[in-house]
Every structure is written in C-alpha cells, then in structure tokens.
Amino acid sequence: MKTRARVIVLATTLAGVITVLSTGCNKLQEATATAPPSTKVVAEISDSEVSTRVKAALLHDANLKSFDIAVTTLKGDVRLTGLVDNQSQIDQAIKLIRSIPGVHTIHDELGIKNKA
C-alpha cells in the first residue's frame, strides 16, 4: 500500500511541475509576442515627393516664386541650383526647405545675379 501511495504522490507532483513549467513558458511566449515595439517607425518619403514638396513651397513663397530654382533630391538630400537677386533670398529658401518633411540635407548651389 505504501508503494502505491508513493507512486500516486510522485505522479501528482510530476504532473504539477509539468503544468507549472508549461504554463510559465506559454506566458513568456505570449508576453514576447504581444509586447509593443520599442522604437517608432517612421514612414519613408520618396525623393520625388520631397522634390515636389520643395518646388511647391518655393512657388508659394512670394519672394521666391519668380525665380527658376531647380530642385534635385537623392535619398533626402536636396540640391538647389539657380540664380536669385540677393543672399537674403538664398537664406529664406534654405529656411523654408529645412522645415519640409523628408529633407535631410540641403546642398545650396544658388547664385546671385549680377546687376549690370
């Protein structure tokens, strides 16, 4: 009789240990699977969209819309070429473009017209 009681106690104990271990493992997997991401995902903006936004901003600016400023974008790096009347217009264009989403770097190749 004592042997049978020991077998029942042992079997019950093993069943309990297996249940605890399997439940604990499942909870760990669930917690890992449902954990929110720790980093913020930023949507990439295409170069053509960045160029379009830059050109639109230049056309909507009263002091810059009359100038032929070419815009080229590669991997968020915006290159400006063309001629304007003075340095303050170059500064204004750079300040305006810096605020546009997707612009990483501005390469200013704008020149000032000679007034002869």
N, C-alpha and C. Protein backbone atom coordinates (compact mmCIF):
# COMPACT_ATOMS: atom_id res chain seq x y z
N MET A 1 0.79 -1.18 0.00
CA MET A 1 0.00 0.00 0.00
C MET A 1 0.85 1.27 0.00
N LYS A 2 1.92 1.20 0.81
CA LYS A 2 2.77 2.38 0.88
C LYS A 2 3.38 2.70 -0.49
N THR A 3 3.72 1.69 -1.25
CA THR A 3 4.31 1.89 -2.57
C THR A 3 3.31 2.55 -3.51
N ARG A 4 2.06 2.07 -3.45
CA ARG A 4 1.04 2.67 -4.32
C ARG A 4 0.82 4.14 -3.96
N ALA A 5 0.80 4.48 -2.69
CA ALA A 5 0.61 5.86 -2.24
C ALA A 5 1.78 6.73 -2.70
N ARG A 6 2.98 6.17 -2.61
CA ARG A 6 4.16 6.92 -3.07
C ARG A 6 4.10 7.18 -4.57
N VAL A 7 3.65 6.21 -5.35
CA VAL A 7 3.53 6.38 -6.80
C VAL A 7 2.51 7.45 -7.12
N ILE A 8 1.39 7.46 -6.41
CA ILE A 8 0.35 8.48 -6.65
C ILE A 8 0.88 9.87 -6.29
N VAL A 9 1.57 10.00 -5.18
CA VAL A 9 2.14 11.28 -4.76
C VAL A 9 3.18 11.74 -5.78
N LEU A 10 4.03 10.83 -6.22
CA LEU A 10 5.06 11.16 -7.20
C LEU A 10 4.44 11.58 -8.52
N ALA A 11 3.43 10.85 -8.98
CA ALA A 11 2.76 11.18 -10.25
C ALA A 11 2.07 12.53 -10.16
N THR A 12 1.42 12.80 -9.04
CA THR A 12 0.74 14.08 -8.85
C THR A 12 1.75 15.22 -8.83
N THR A 13 2.85 15.03 -8.14
CA THR A 13 3.90 16.05 -8.07
C THR A 13 4.48 16.33 -9.46
N LEU A 14 4.78 15.29 -10.23
CA LEU A 14 5.32 15.46 -11.58
C LEU A 14 4.32 16.18 -12.49
N ALA A 15 3.06 15.81 -12.37
CA ALA A 15 2.03 16.46 -13.18
C ALA A 15 1.95 17.96 -12.84
N GLY A 16 2.05 18.26 -11.56
CA GLY A 16 2.02 19.67 -11.13
C GLY A 16 3.20 20.45 -11.65
N VAL A 17 4.39 19.85 -11.57
CA VAL A 17 5.61 20.51 -12.06
C VAL A 17 5.52 20.75 -13.56
N ILE A 18 5.07 19.75 -14.31
CA ILE A 18 4.94 19.89 -15.77
C ILE A 18 3.92 20.98 -16.12
N THR A 19 2.82 21.02 -15.39
CA THR A 19 1.80 22.05 -15.63
C THR A 19 2.36 23.45 -15.38
N VAL A 20 3.06 23.61 -14.27
CA VAL A 20 3.64 24.92 -13.94
C VAL A 20 4.66 25.34 -14.99
N LEU A 21 5.52 24.43 -15.38
CA LEU A 21 6.54 24.77 -16.37
C LEU A 21 5.94 25.11 -17.73
N SER A 22 4.98 24.32 -18.17
CA SER A 22 4.39 24.59 -19.48
C SER A 22 3.57 25.87 -19.47
N THR A 23 2.88 26.17 -18.39
CA THR A 23 2.11 27.40 -18.28
C THR A 23 3.04 28.61 -18.24
N GLY A 24 4.10 28.49 -17.48
CA GLY A 24 5.07 29.59 -17.41
C GLY A 24 5.71 29.86 -18.74
N CYS A 25 6.05 28.84 -19.49
CA CYS A 25 6.66 29.01 -20.81
C CYS A 25 5.69 29.66 -21.78
N ASN A 26 4.44 29.24 -21.75
CA ASN A 26 3.45 29.83 -22.64
C ASN A 26 3.23 31.30 -22.34
N LYS A 27 3.20 31.67 -21.08
CA LYS A 27 3.01 33.07 -20.72
C LYS A 27 4.19 33.91 -21.19
N LEU A 28 5.38 33.38 -21.12
CA LEU A 28 6.56 34.10 -21.59
C LEU A 28 6.48 34.35 -23.09
N GLN A 29 6.06 33.34 -23.85
CA GLN A 29 5.93 33.50 -25.30
C GLN A 29 4.84 34.50 -25.64
N GLU A 30 3.71 34.45 -24.92
CA GLU A 30 2.64 35.40 -25.17
C GLU A 30 3.10 36.82 -24.89
N ALA A 31 3.80 37.01 -23.79
CA ALA A 31 4.27 38.34 -23.44
C ALA A 31 5.25 38.87 -24.49
N THR A 32 6.10 38.00 -24.98
CA THR A 32 7.06 38.41 -26.01
C THR A 32 6.35 38.72 -27.31
N ALA A 33 5.36 37.92 -27.65
CA ALA A 33 4.66 38.10 -28.92
C ALA A 33 3.80 39.35 -28.93
N THR A 34 3.26 39.77 -27.78
CA THR A 34 2.35 40.91 -27.75
C THR A 34 2.99 42.19 -27.26
N ALA A 35 4.28 42.17 -26.97
CA ALA A 35 4.95 43.37 -26.49
C ALA A 35 4.97 44.44 -27.58
N PRO A 36 4.66 45.69 -27.23
CA PRO A 36 4.68 46.76 -28.23
C PRO A 36 6.11 47.07 -28.67
N PRO A 37 6.29 47.51 -29.90
CA PRO A 37 7.64 47.83 -30.36
C PRO A 37 8.21 48.99 -29.56
N SER A 38 9.51 48.93 -29.33
CA SER A 38 10.15 49.96 -28.51
C SER A 38 10.62 51.16 -29.33
N THR A 39 10.65 51.03 -30.64
CA THR A 39 11.08 52.14 -31.47
C THR A 39 9.93 52.62 -32.33
N LYS A 40 9.96 53.86 -32.67
CA LYS A 40 8.93 54.46 -33.51
C LYS A 40 9.30 54.23 -34.97
N VAL A 41 8.35 53.76 -35.75
CA VAL A 41 8.59 53.52 -37.16
C VAL A 41 8.24 54.79 -37.93
N VAL A 42 9.17 55.27 -38.71
CA VAL A 42 8.97 56.47 -39.50
C VAL A 42 8.79 56.07 -40.95
N ALA A 43 7.73 56.56 -41.54
CA ALA A 43 7.48 56.25 -42.94
C ALA A 43 8.49 56.97 -43.82
N GLU A 44 9.02 56.25 -44.78
CA GLU A 44 9.95 56.84 -45.72
C GLU A 44 9.19 57.66 -46.75
N ILE A 45 9.74 58.80 -47.10
CA ILE A 45 9.15 59.66 -48.12
C ILE A 45 10.03 59.56 -49.35
N SER A 46 9.43 59.34 -50.49
CA SER A 46 10.20 59.17 -51.72
C SER A 46 10.86 60.49 -52.13
N ASP A 47 11.94 60.36 -52.89
CA ASP A 47 12.67 61.54 -53.36
C ASP A 47 11.79 62.42 -54.24
N SER A 48 10.98 61.80 -55.07
CA SER A 48 10.11 62.59 -55.95
C SER A 48 9.09 63.38 -55.15
N GLU A 49 8.60 62.79 -54.05
CA GLU A 49 7.65 63.51 -53.20
C GLU A 49 8.33 64.67 -52.49
N VAL A 50 9.56 64.46 -52.04
CA VAL A 50 10.31 65.54 -51.39
C VAL A 50 10.53 66.67 -52.39
N SER A 51 10.96 66.34 -53.61
CA SER A 51 11.18 67.37 -54.63
C SER A 51 9.90 68.14 -54.92
N THR A 52 8.79 67.43 -55.02
CA THR A 52 7.51 68.08 -55.28
C THR A 52 7.14 69.04 -54.15
N ARG A 53 7.35 68.62 -52.92
CA ARG A 53 7.04 69.49 -51.77
C ARG A 53 7.93 70.73 -51.76
N VAL A 54 9.22 70.54 -52.09
CA VAL A 54 10.15 71.67 -52.10
C VAL A 54 9.75 72.66 -53.20
N LYS A 55 9.48 72.15 -54.40
CA LYS A 55 9.09 73.03 -55.50
C LYS A 55 7.80 73.78 -55.18
N ALA A 56 6.84 73.09 -54.57
CA ALA A 56 5.58 73.74 -54.19
C ALA A 56 5.82 74.84 -53.17
N ALA A 57 6.68 74.58 -52.20
CA ALA A 57 6.97 75.59 -51.18
C ALA A 57 7.64 76.81 -51.80
N LEU A 58 8.55 76.59 -52.74
CA LEU A 58 9.21 77.71 -53.41
C LEU A 58 8.22 78.52 -54.25
N LEU A 59 7.29 77.85 -54.90
CA LEU A 59 6.29 78.53 -55.74
C LEU A 59 5.27 79.30 -54.90
N HIS A 60 5.03 78.86 -53.68
CA HIS A 60 4.06 79.54 -52.82
C HIS A 60 4.67 80.69 -52.03
N ASP A 61 5.97 80.82 -52.06
CA ASP A 61 6.63 81.91 -51.35
C ASP A 61 6.68 83.14 -52.27
N ALA A 62 6.14 84.24 -51.81
CA ALA A 62 6.05 85.46 -52.63
C ALA A 62 7.41 85.98 -53.08
N ASN A 63 8.43 85.83 -52.26
CA ASN A 63 9.77 86.35 -52.59
C ASN A 63 10.59 85.41 -53.47
N LEU A 64 10.16 84.15 -53.61
CA LEU A 64 10.97 83.18 -54.35
C LEU A 64 10.28 82.63 -55.59
N LYS A 65 8.99 82.85 -55.74
CA LYS A 65 8.24 82.21 -56.82
C LYS A 65 8.65 82.67 -58.22
N SER A 66 9.23 83.84 -58.34
CA SER A 66 9.59 84.33 -59.67
C SER A 66 10.95 83.83 -60.17
N PHE A 67 11.67 83.09 -59.35
CA PHE A 67 12.98 82.60 -59.73
C PHE A 67 12.91 81.15 -60.24
N ASP A 68 13.80 80.84 -61.17
CA ASP A 68 13.87 79.49 -61.73
C ASP A 68 14.89 78.69 -60.90
N ILE A 69 14.39 78.09 -59.84
CA ILE A 69 15.25 77.31 -58.94
C ILE A 69 15.00 75.84 -59.22
N ALA A 70 16.06 75.14 -59.63
CA ALA A 70 15.95 73.70 -59.91
C ALA A 70 16.15 72.92 -58.61
N VAL A 71 15.37 71.86 -58.45
CA VAL A 71 15.42 71.04 -57.24
C VAL A 71 15.70 69.59 -57.65
N THR A 72 16.73 69.01 -57.05
CA THR A 72 17.05 67.60 -57.27
C THR A 72 17.18 66.95 -55.90
N THR A 73 16.56 65.77 -55.74
CA THR A 73 16.60 65.09 -54.44
C THR A 73 17.12 63.67 -54.62
N LEU A 74 18.05 63.28 -53.75
CA LEU A 74 18.58 61.92 -53.74
C LEU A 74 18.74 61.48 -52.30
N LYS A 75 17.94 60.50 -51.89
CA LYS A 75 17.96 59.96 -50.53
C LYS A 75 17.75 61.05 -49.48
N GLY A 76 16.85 61.99 -49.77
CA GLY A 76 16.54 63.05 -48.83
C GLY A 76 17.49 64.23 -48.88
N ASP A 77 18.55 64.14 -49.67
CA ASP A 77 19.48 65.25 -49.84
C ASP A 77 18.98 66.11 -51.00
N VAL A 78 18.66 67.37 -50.71
CA VAL A 78 18.08 68.27 -51.70
C VAL A 78 19.17 69.20 -52.22
N ARG A 79 19.28 69.27 -53.55
CA ARG A 79 20.24 70.16 -54.19
C ARG A 79 19.48 71.26 -54.90
N LEU A 80 19.83 72.51 -54.59
CA LEU A 80 19.20 73.68 -55.20
C LEU A 80 20.18 74.35 -56.15
N THR A 81 19.73 74.60 -57.36
CA THR A 81 20.56 75.34 -58.33
C THR A 81 19.71 76.42 -58.97
N GLY A 82 20.33 77.51 -59.32
CA GLY A 82 19.63 78.61 -59.96
C GLY A 82 20.20 79.94 -59.49
N LEU A 83 19.55 81.00 -59.92
CA LEU A 83 20.01 82.35 -59.57
C LEU A 83 18.89 83.13 -58.89
N VAL A 84 19.26 83.90 -57.87
CA VAL A 84 18.34 84.78 -57.17
C VAL A 84 18.96 86.17 -57.11
N ASP A 85 18.23 87.14 -56.56
CA ASP A 85 18.72 88.52 -56.55
C ASP A 85 19.70 88.84 -55.42
N ASN A 86 19.54 88.17 -54.25
CA ASN A 86 20.41 88.53 -53.13
C ASN A 86 20.54 87.36 -52.13
N GLN A 87 21.44 87.54 -51.18
CA GLN A 87 21.73 86.49 -50.19
C GLN A 87 20.53 86.22 -49.29
N SER A 88 19.75 87.23 -48.98
CA SER A 88 18.60 87.01 -48.09
C SER A 88 17.58 86.05 -48.73
N GLN A 89 17.48 86.04 -50.05
CA GLN A 89 16.59 85.11 -50.73
C GLN A 89 17.14 83.67 -50.64
N ILE A 90 18.44 83.53 -50.71
CA ILE A 90 19.05 82.20 -50.53
C ILE A 90 18.77 81.70 -49.11
N ASP A 91 18.98 82.58 -48.13
CA ASP A 91 18.74 82.21 -46.73
C ASP A 91 17.27 81.84 -46.51
N GLN A 92 16.38 82.59 -47.13
CA GLN A 92 14.96 82.33 -47.00
C GLN A 92 14.59 80.97 -47.61
N ALA A 93 15.16 80.66 -48.77
CA ALA A 93 14.89 79.38 -49.43
C ALA A 93 15.36 78.22 -48.56
N ILE A 94 16.53 78.34 -47.99
CA ILE A 94 17.08 77.27 -47.14
C ILE A 94 16.22 77.09 -45.89
N LYS A 95 15.83 78.20 -45.27
CA LYS A 95 14.99 78.12 -44.07
C LYS A 95 13.65 77.47 -44.39
N LEU A 96 13.08 77.83 -45.52
CA LEU A 96 11.80 77.27 -45.95
C LEU A 96 11.91 75.76 -46.20
N ILE A 97 12.93 75.35 -46.89
CA ILE A 97 13.11 73.95 -47.26
C ILE A 97 13.46 73.09 -46.06
N ARG A 98 14.17 73.63 -45.11
CA ARG A 98 14.57 72.88 -43.92
C ARG A 98 13.36 72.36 -43.14
N SER A 99 12.22 73.04 -43.25
CA SER A 99 11.02 72.66 -42.50
C SER A 99 10.18 71.59 -43.20
N ILE A 100 10.57 71.17 -44.39
CA ILE A 100 9.79 70.21 -45.16
C ILE A 100 10.14 68.78 -44.73
N PRO A 101 9.11 67.96 -44.43
CA PRO A 101 9.37 66.57 -44.04
C PRO A 101 10.07 65.79 -45.16
N GLY A 102 11.06 64.98 -44.79
CA GLY A 102 11.79 64.17 -45.76
C GLY A 102 13.09 64.79 -46.21
N VAL A 103 13.30 66.07 -45.91
CA VAL A 103 14.55 66.75 -46.29
C VAL A 103 15.58 66.46 -45.20
N HIS A 104 16.69 65.83 -45.59
CA HIS A 104 17.75 65.50 -44.63
C HIS A 104 18.85 66.55 -44.69
N THR A 105 19.31 66.86 -45.90
CA THR A 105 20.42 67.78 -46.10
C THR A 105 20.09 68.70 -47.26
N ILE A 106 20.57 69.93 -47.19
CA ILE A 106 20.36 70.88 -48.29
C ILE A 106 21.72 71.26 -48.85
N HIS A 107 21.88 71.04 -50.16
CA HIS A 107 23.09 71.46 -50.86
C HIS A 107 22.75 72.73 -51.64
N ASP A 108 23.25 73.83 -51.15
CA ASP A 108 22.94 75.13 -51.73
C ASP A 108 23.93 75.45 -52.84
N GLU A 109 23.45 75.43 -54.06
CA GLU A 109 24.26 75.85 -55.20
C GLU A 109 23.61 77.04 -55.90
N LEU A 110 22.86 77.82 -55.10
CA LEU A 110 22.22 79.01 -55.66
C LEU A 110 23.23 80.13 -55.79
N GLY A 111 23.08 80.89 -56.85
CA GLY A 111 23.96 82.02 -57.09
C GLY A 111 23.18 83.32 -57.08
N ILE A 112 23.92 84.42 -57.02
CA ILE A 112 23.31 85.75 -57.02
C ILE A 112 23.55 86.36 -58.40
N LYS A 113 22.47 86.90 -58.98
CA LYS A 113 22.55 87.52 -60.31
C LYS A 113 23.43 88.75 -60.25
N ASN A 114 24.16 88.97 -61.34
CA ASN A 114 24.95 90.19 -61.47
C ASN A 114 24.04 91.29 -61.96
N LYS A 115 24.02 92.41 -61.26
CA LYS A 115 23.19 93.54 -61.69
C LYS A 115 24.10 94.52 -62.42
N ALA A 116 24.06 94.42 -63.73
CA ALA A 116 24.92 95.30 -64.53
C ALA A 116 24.13 96.38 -65.19
